[in-house]
Amino acid sequence: MPEDLVNPVVEFTAQGLGNRPAAHIWRNLVAVDLSFCTSSLSDGIRAESRAEDILFVLEKRGVTIPDDVRERVNDCEDPEIMRSWLARALTAATAEEIFGDA
């Protein structure tokens, strides 16, 4: 389909889904592969997406996320650290456990 027709459909669908769990799935389905980009902008987009993934996993597992944990996750820009936090989010009993500080 022509891009000028696809973009509004993608955007309207995303807006319609709001903050429902399906919105996260939709976003992943229509995400553009920016792995070839090395700018600070593309790095920021990837970090934001990874932070959302970490928090999403914790929320879906019913883990309470204190504001300081949410802030630390959102402020991190190191992809390797965030990858380890995401892995820990799958099994952590508390949000603080994702950091592995103890």
C-alpha atoms as a PDB file:
ATOM      1  CA  MET A   1       0.000   0.000   0.000  1.00  0.00           C
ATOM      2  CA  PRO A   2       1.163   3.579  -0.542  1.00  0.00           C
ATOM      3  CA  GLU A   3       2.916   5.020   2.497  1.00  0.00           C
ATOM      4  CA  ASP A   4       0.612   8.052   2.590  1.00  0.00           C
ATOM      5  CA  LEU A   5      -2.318   5.663   3.182  1.00  0.00           C
ATOM      6  CA  VAL A   6      -0.549   3.326   5.591  1.00  0.00           C
ATOM      7  CA  ASN A   7       0.804   5.945   8.017  1.00  0.00           C
ATOM      8  CA  PRO A   8      -2.602   7.377   9.019  1.00  0.00           C
ATOM      9  CA  VAL A   9      -4.029   3.872   9.496  1.00  0.00           C
ATOM     10  CA  VAL A  10      -1.111   2.913  11.717  1.00  0.00           C
ATOM     11  CA  GLU A  11      -1.480   6.122  13.723  1.00  0.00           C
ATOM     12  CA  PHE A  12      -5.272   5.905  14.079  1.00  0.00           C
ATOM     13  CA  THR A  13      -5.029   2.293  15.215  1.00  0.00           C
ATOM     14  CA  ALA A  14      -2.389   3.171  17.803  1.00  0.00           C
ATOM     15  CA  GLN A  15      -4.510   6.047  19.113  1.00  0.00           C
ATOM     16  CA  GLY A  16      -7.585   3.832  19.269  1.00  0.00           C
ATOM     17  CA  LEU A  17      -5.772   1.219  21.322  1.00  0.00           C
ATOM     18  CA  GLY A  18      -4.719   3.832  23.877  1.00  0.00           C
ATOM     19  CA  ASN A  19      -2.810   2.235  26.744  1.00  0.00           C
ATOM     20  CA  ARG A  20      -4.406  -1.194  26.504  1.00  0.00           C
ATOM     21  CA  PRO A  21      -2.061  -4.234  26.391  1.00  0.00           C
ATOM     22  CA  ALA A  22      -2.840  -4.650  22.684  1.00  0.00           C
ATOM     23  CA  ALA A  23      -1.254  -1.234  22.043  1.00  0.00           C
ATOM     24  CA  HIS A  24       2.137  -2.636  23.040  1.00  0.00           C
ATOM     25  CA  ILE A  25       1.687  -5.551  20.649  1.00  0.00           C
ATOM     26  CA  TRP A  26       0.568  -3.223  17.852  1.00  0.00           C
ATOM     27  CA  ARG A  27       3.572  -0.972  18.388  1.00  0.00           C
ATOM     28  CA  ASN A  28       5.912  -3.949  18.066  1.00  0.00           C
ATOM     29  CA  LEU A  29       4.160  -5.131  14.911  1.00  0.00           C
ATOM     30  CA  VAL A  30       4.544  -1.819  13.101  1.00  0.00           C
ATOM     31  CA  ALA A  31       7.939  -0.853  14.515  1.00  0.00           C
ATOM     32  CA  VAL A  32      10.570   0.196  12.047  1.00  0.00           C
ATOM     33  CA  ASP A  33      13.870  -1.636  12.256  1.00  0.00           C
ATOM     34  CA  LEU A  34      16.329   1.070  13.279  1.00  0.00           C
ATOM     35  CA  SER A  35      19.183  -1.285  14.072  1.00  0.00           C
ATOM     36  CA  PHE A  36      21.214   0.179  11.221  1.00  0.00           C
ATOM     37  CA  CYS A  37      20.924   3.695  12.719  1.00  0.00           C
ATOM     38  CA  THR A  38      23.617   4.797  15.123  1.00  0.00           C
ATOM     39  CA  SER A  39      22.492   8.325  15.952  1.00  0.00           C
ATOM     40  CA  SER A  40      21.727   9.473  19.472  1.00  0.00           C
ATOM     41  CA  LEU A  41      18.082   9.857  18.385  1.00  0.00           C
ATOM     42  CA  SER A  42      17.766   6.213  17.338  1.00  0.00           C
ATOM     43  CA  ASP A  43      19.600   5.096  20.488  1.00  0.00           C
ATOM     44  CA  GLY A  44      17.094   7.086  22.547  1.00  0.00           C
ATOM     45  CA  ILE A  45      14.171   5.473  20.740  1.00  0.00           C
ATOM     46  CA  ARG A  46      15.554   2.000  21.421  1.00  0.00           C
ATOM     47  CA  ALA A  47      16.212   2.847  25.098  1.00  0.00           C
ATOM     48  CA  GLU A  48      12.676   4.199  25.502  1.00  0.00           C
ATOM     49  CA  SER A  49      11.242   1.066  23.935  1.00  0.00           C
ATOM     50  CA  ARG A  50      13.331  -1.230  26.147  1.00  0.00           C
ATOM     51  CA  ALA A  51      12.292   0.733  29.254  1.00  0.00           C
ATOM     52  CA  GLU A  52       8.649   0.340  28.249  1.00  0.00           C
ATOM     53  CA  ASP A  53       9.207  -3.398  27.772  1.00  0.00           C
ATOM     54  CA  ILE A  54      10.752  -3.797  31.235  1.00  0.00           C
ATOM     55  CA  LEU A  55       7.931  -1.913  32.926  1.00  0.00           C
ATOM     56  CA  PHE A  56       5.319  -3.718  30.825  1.00  0.00           C
ATOM     57  CA  VAL A  57       6.610  -7.145  31.913  1.00  0.00           C
ATOM     58  CA  LEU A  58       6.604  -6.139  35.572  1.00  0.00           C
ATOM     59  CA  GLU A  59       3.098  -4.674  35.314  1.00  0.00           C
ATOM     60  CA  LYS A  60       1.689  -7.733  33.542  1.00  0.00           C
ATOM     61  CA  ARG A  61       3.197  -9.966  36.224  1.00  0.00           C
ATOM     62  CA  GLY A  62       1.452  -7.869  38.895  1.00  0.00           C
ATOM     63  CA  VAL A  63       4.689  -6.558  40.396  1.00  0.00           C
ATOM     64  CA  THR A  64       4.313  -3.172  42.094  1.00  0.00           C
ATOM     65  CA  ILE A  65       6.642  -0.589  40.531  1.00  0.00           C
ATOM     66  CA  PRO A  66       7.692   2.204  42.900  1.00  0.00           C
ATOM     67  CA  ASP A  67       8.336   5.613  41.361  1.00  0.00           C
ATOM     68  CA  ASP A  68      12.097   5.415  42.017  1.00  0.00           C
ATOM     69  CA  VAL A  69      12.338   2.117  40.095  1.00  0.00           C
ATOM     70  CA  ARG A  70      10.271   3.505  37.223  1.00  0.00           C
ATOM     71  CA  GLU A  71      12.534   6.573  37.101  1.00  0.00           C
ATOM     72  CA  ARG A  72      15.755   4.524  37.161  1.00  0.00           C
ATOM     73  CA  VAL A  73      14.512   2.313  34.322  1.00  0.00           C
ATOM     74  CA  ASN A  74      13.381   5.292  32.238  1.00  0.00           C
ATOM     75  CA  ASP A  75      16.670   7.146  32.813  1.00  0.00           C
ATOM     76  CA  CYS A  76      18.940   4.265  31.783  1.00  0.00           C
ATOM     77  CA  GLU A  77      20.432   4.427  28.297  1.00  0.00           C
ATOM     78  CA  ASP A  78      22.822   1.453  28.438  1.00  0.00           C
ATOM     79  CA  PRO A  79      21.374  -1.303  26.214  1.00  0.00           C
ATOM     80  CA  GLU A  80      23.280  -4.126  27.924  1.00  0.00           C
ATOM     81  CA  ILE A  81      22.121  -3.107  31.390  1.00  0.00           C
ATOM     82  CA  MET A  82      18.555  -2.760  30.177  1.00  0.00           C
ATOM     83  CA  ARG A  83      18.741  -6.179  28.521  1.00  0.00           C
ATOM     84  CA  SER A  84      19.753  -7.734  31.845  1.00  0.00           C
ATOM     85  CA  TRP A  85      16.953  -5.852  33.638  1.00  0.00           C
ATOM     86  CA  LEU A  86      14.452  -7.153  31.094  1.00  0.00           C
ATOM     87  CA  ALA A  87      15.626 -10.728  31.664  1.00  0.00           C
ATOM     88  CA  ARG A  88      15.338 -10.288  35.438  1.00  0.00           C
ATOM     89  CA  ALA A  89      11.880  -8.714  35.069  1.00  0.00           C
ATOM     90  CA  LEU A  90      10.607 -12.089  33.894  1.00  0.00           C
ATOM     91  CA  THR A  91      11.163 -13.673  37.317  1.00  0.00           C
ATOM     92  CA  ALA A  92      11.732 -10.878  39.863  1.00  0.00           C
ATOM     93  CA  ALA A  93       9.517 -11.002  42.933  1.00  0.00           C
ATOM     94  CA  THR A  94       9.924  -7.247  43.446  1.00  0.00           C
ATOM     95  CA  ALA A  95      10.667  -4.447  41.009  1.00  0.00           C
ATOM     96  CA  GLU A  96      13.906  -3.655  42.845  1.00  0.00           C
ATOM     97  CA  GLU A  97      15.239  -7.164  42.103  1.00  0.00           C
ATOM     98  CA  ILE A  98      15.661  -6.342  38.410  1.00  0.00           C
ATOM     99  CA  PHE A  99      18.695  -4.227  39.273  1.00  0.00           C
ATOM    100  CA  GLY A 100      20.584  -7.138  40.836  1.00  0.00           C
ATOM    101  CA  ASP A 101      22.237  -4.763  43.319  1.00  0.00           C
ATOM    102  CA  ALA A 102      21.947  -7.162  46.231  1.00  0.00           C
END
